[in-house]
Amino acid sequence: LSLLKSPVFRGGNDVRADERLYLWGLLNWMSVHSTTTFVYPHLCALHSMAPEVGRPGSSVATVMPPMIPLTSEKVEPTGAYLVSNGLDMYMWLGNQVPRHFLMELLGIETLEGVDCARLILPERENDVSRRVNAVLQELRRPGPLWPNLRVVKQRDQLE
């Protein structure tokens, strides 16, 4: 079912022909791991990371947050989540994300009136920012492509 929702196989005209051909080419070129990530994107919660997440581990470069099923039932308006399919990354921010989390991660106090298309995720001088950036770097590491991060807020046009 998730494969049919992919822009490669999805019917309709919401995906341009050149984009569909580009994705076909990428699918033919991708490794099994990359294809699996493309078909079954990762979703992880950033707002409730365990203390060891985003830090070097004993047997891994960076301890990653647990992946959760990619369903709307798992997403809370008080949360911040990262979705990655290997080609694109989205940081979804709920309308009720705590102010301190937004301030530490993005340097803003509220999402109201913010154009998320202009937001960037610099590495700030605090623990939350360093750990989230480490998770992003680890997700980008295995593939030859460098997925761009897009910040999306709840009920935004991109959602």
Protein backbone atom coordinates (compact mmCIF):
# COMPACT_ATOMS: atom_id res chain seq x y z
CA LEU A 1 0.00 0.00 0.00
CA SER A 2 2.79 2.45 0.83
CA LEU A 3 4.39 1.77 -2.55
CA LEU A 4 1.17 2.82 -4.29
CA LYS A 5 1.21 6.11 -2.36
CA SER A 6 4.71 6.84 -3.61
CA PRO A 7 4.97 9.59 -6.26
CA VAL A 8 6.57 7.01 -8.56
CA PHE A 9 3.48 4.78 -8.74
CA ARG A 10 0.67 7.06 -7.57
CA GLY A 11 -1.98 7.71 -10.19
CA GLY A 12 -3.26 11.13 -11.15
CA ASN A 13 -1.55 14.23 -12.40
CA ASP A 14 -0.26 15.72 -9.12
CA VAL A 15 3.25 14.48 -10.00
CA ARG A 16 4.88 15.97 -13.10
CA ALA A 17 6.15 13.53 -15.73
CA ASP A 18 9.76 14.67 -15.39
CA GLU A 19 9.62 14.24 -11.60
CA ARG A 20 8.17 10.74 -11.98
CA LEU A 21 10.92 9.77 -14.46
CA TYR A 22 13.59 11.19 -12.15
CA LEU A 23 12.23 9.10 -9.25
CA TRP A 24 12.11 6.00 -11.48
CA GLY A 25 15.77 6.53 -12.29
CA LEU A 26 16.61 6.92 -8.61
CA LEU A 27 14.71 3.75 -7.71
CA ASN A 28 16.69 1.78 -10.30
CA TRP A 29 19.92 3.15 -8.87
CA MET A 30 19.13 2.89 -5.12
CA SER A 31 20.42 0.19 -2.84
CA VAL A 32 17.97 -2.15 -1.11
CA HIS A 33 18.31 -0.16 2.13
CA SER A 34 17.65 3.16 0.36
CA THR A 35 14.66 1.72 -1.51
CA THR A 36 13.19 0.37 1.72
CA THR A 37 13.57 3.79 3.37
CA PHE A 38 11.96 5.44 0.33
CA VAL A 39 8.97 3.09 0.41
CA TYR A 40 8.65 3.01 4.23
CA PRO A 41 9.79 6.45 5.47
CA HIS A 42 11.19 6.88 8.97
CA LEU A 43 9.24 8.84 11.56
CA CYS A 44 10.76 9.70 14.91
CA ALA A 45 9.79 12.02 17.74
CA LEU A 46 12.26 14.81 18.46
CA HIS A 47 10.43 16.38 21.39
CA SER A 48 10.68 13.31 23.61
CA MET A 49 14.16 11.99 22.85
CA ALA A 50 15.77 9.82 25.51
CA PRO A 51 18.93 11.36 27.04
CA GLU A 52 21.27 9.10 25.03
CA VAL A 53 19.71 9.94 21.63
CA GLY A 54 21.85 12.15 19.43
CA ARG A 55 25.04 11.21 21.25
CA PRO A 56 27.79 8.76 20.28
CA GLY A 57 26.95 5.18 21.23
CA SER A 58 29.16 2.27 22.19
CA SER A 59 28.42 0.32 19.00
CA VAL A 60 26.99 3.07 16.73
CA ALA A 61 28.18 6.49 15.60
CA THR A 62 25.04 8.19 16.91
CA VAL A 63 22.23 6.75 19.02
CA MET A 64 19.02 7.24 17.07
CA PRO A 65 15.51 7.78 18.38
CA PRO A 66 13.15 4.84 17.98
CA MET A 67 11.19 4.81 14.74
CA ILE A 68 7.43 4.97 15.15
CA PRO A 69 4.74 3.94 12.66
CA LEU A 70 4.03 6.63 10.08
CA THR A 71 0.39 7.24 10.96
CA SER A 72 -1.50 10.37 11.97
CA GLU A 73 -2.56 8.69 15.22
CA LYS A 74 1.06 8.75 16.43
CA VAL A 75 1.50 12.50 15.86
CA GLU A 76 0.57 14.88 18.69
CA PRO A 77 0.07 18.68 18.39
CA THR A 78 2.57 19.17 21.24
CA GLY A 79 5.27 17.29 19.36
CA ALA A 80 8.08 17.76 16.88
CA TYR A 81 8.74 14.89 14.48
CA LEU A 82 11.23 14.06 11.79
CA VAL A 83 10.11 12.23 8.64
CA SER A 84 12.76 10.96 6.24
CA ASN A 85 12.43 8.91 3.07
CA GLY A 86 16.10 9.12 2.10
CA LEU A 87 15.42 11.80 -0.54
CA ASP A 88 13.61 14.39 1.57
CA MET A 89 13.40 15.23 5.25
CA TYR A 90 10.56 17.03 6.93
CA MET A 91 10.49 18.36 10.46
CA TRP A 92 6.81 18.52 11.42
CA LEU A 93 6.01 20.87 14.29
CA GLY A 94 2.67 20.72 16.05
CA ASN A 95 0.78 23.91 16.85
CA GLN A 96 1.35 23.39 20.56
CA VAL A 97 5.09 22.66 20.61
CA PRO A 98 6.50 24.06 23.87
CA ARG A 99 8.13 27.49 23.52
CA HIS A 100 11.37 26.36 25.15
CA PHE A 101 11.77 23.60 22.54
CA LEU A 102 11.24 26.05 19.67
CA MET A 103 13.66 28.52 21.23
CA GLU A 104 16.39 25.92 21.74
CA LEU A 105 15.98 24.37 18.29
CA LEU A 106 15.09 27.28 16.01
CA GLY A 107 15.60 30.42 18.07
CA ILE A 108 11.93 31.44 17.85
CA GLU A 109 9.26 31.56 20.54
CA THR A 110 6.19 30.79 18.46
CA LEU A 111 5.19 29.44 15.07
CA GLU A 112 2.51 32.09 14.54
CA GLY A 113 3.26 34.24 11.54
CA VAL A 114 6.42 32.28 10.71
CA ASP A 115 7.04 31.28 7.09
CA CYS A 116 8.42 27.78 7.60
CA ALA A 117 9.86 27.72 4.07
CA ARG A 118 12.42 30.27 5.29
CA LEU A 119 13.38 28.45 8.48
CA ILE A 120 16.80 26.87 8.73
CA LEU A 121 18.14 24.59 11.41
CA PRO A 122 21.48 25.92 12.55
CA GLU A 123 23.43 24.10 15.21
CA ARG A 124 22.85 26.29 18.24
CA GLU A 125 24.85 26.23 21.47
CA ASN A 126 22.50 23.97 23.44
CA ASP A 127 21.93 20.28 24.03
CA VAL A 128 18.65 19.93 22.10
CA SER A 129 20.02 21.58 18.98
CA ARG A 130 23.23 19.53 18.99
CA ARG A 131 21.35 16.26 19.47
CA VAL A 132 18.74 16.96 16.75
CA ASN A 133 21.48 17.98 14.33
CA ALA A 134 23.39 14.78 15.15
CA VAL A 135 20.27 12.72 14.33
CA LEU A 136 19.89 14.59 11.02
CA GLN A 137 23.54 13.97 10.15
CA GLU A 138 23.21 10.27 10.94
CA LEU A 139 20.13 9.93 8.72
CA ARG A 140 21.97 11.67 5.89
CA ARG A 141 25.14 9.61 6.28
CA PRO A 142 24.29 6.25 4.62
CA GLY A 143 23.19 7.53 1.23
CA PRO A 144 24.98 9.29 -1.59
CA LEU A 145 22.20 11.90 -1.73
CA TRP A 146 21.99 14.77 0.76
CA PRO A 147 18.31 15.16 1.71
CA ASN A 148 17.22 18.73 2.30
CA LEU A 149 15.28 19.50 5.46
CA ARG A 150 11.96 21.29 5.21
CA VAL A 151 10.20 22.56 8.29
CA VAL A 152 6.42 22.13 8.21
CA LYS A 153 4.01 23.30 10.86
CA GLN A 154 0.67 21.73 11.65
CA ARG A 155 -2.11 22.84 9.30
CA ASP A 156 0.39 24.51 6.98
CA GLN A 157 0.05 24.39 3.21
CA LEU A 158 2.83 21.80 2.86
CA GLU A 159 1.25 19.49 5.42
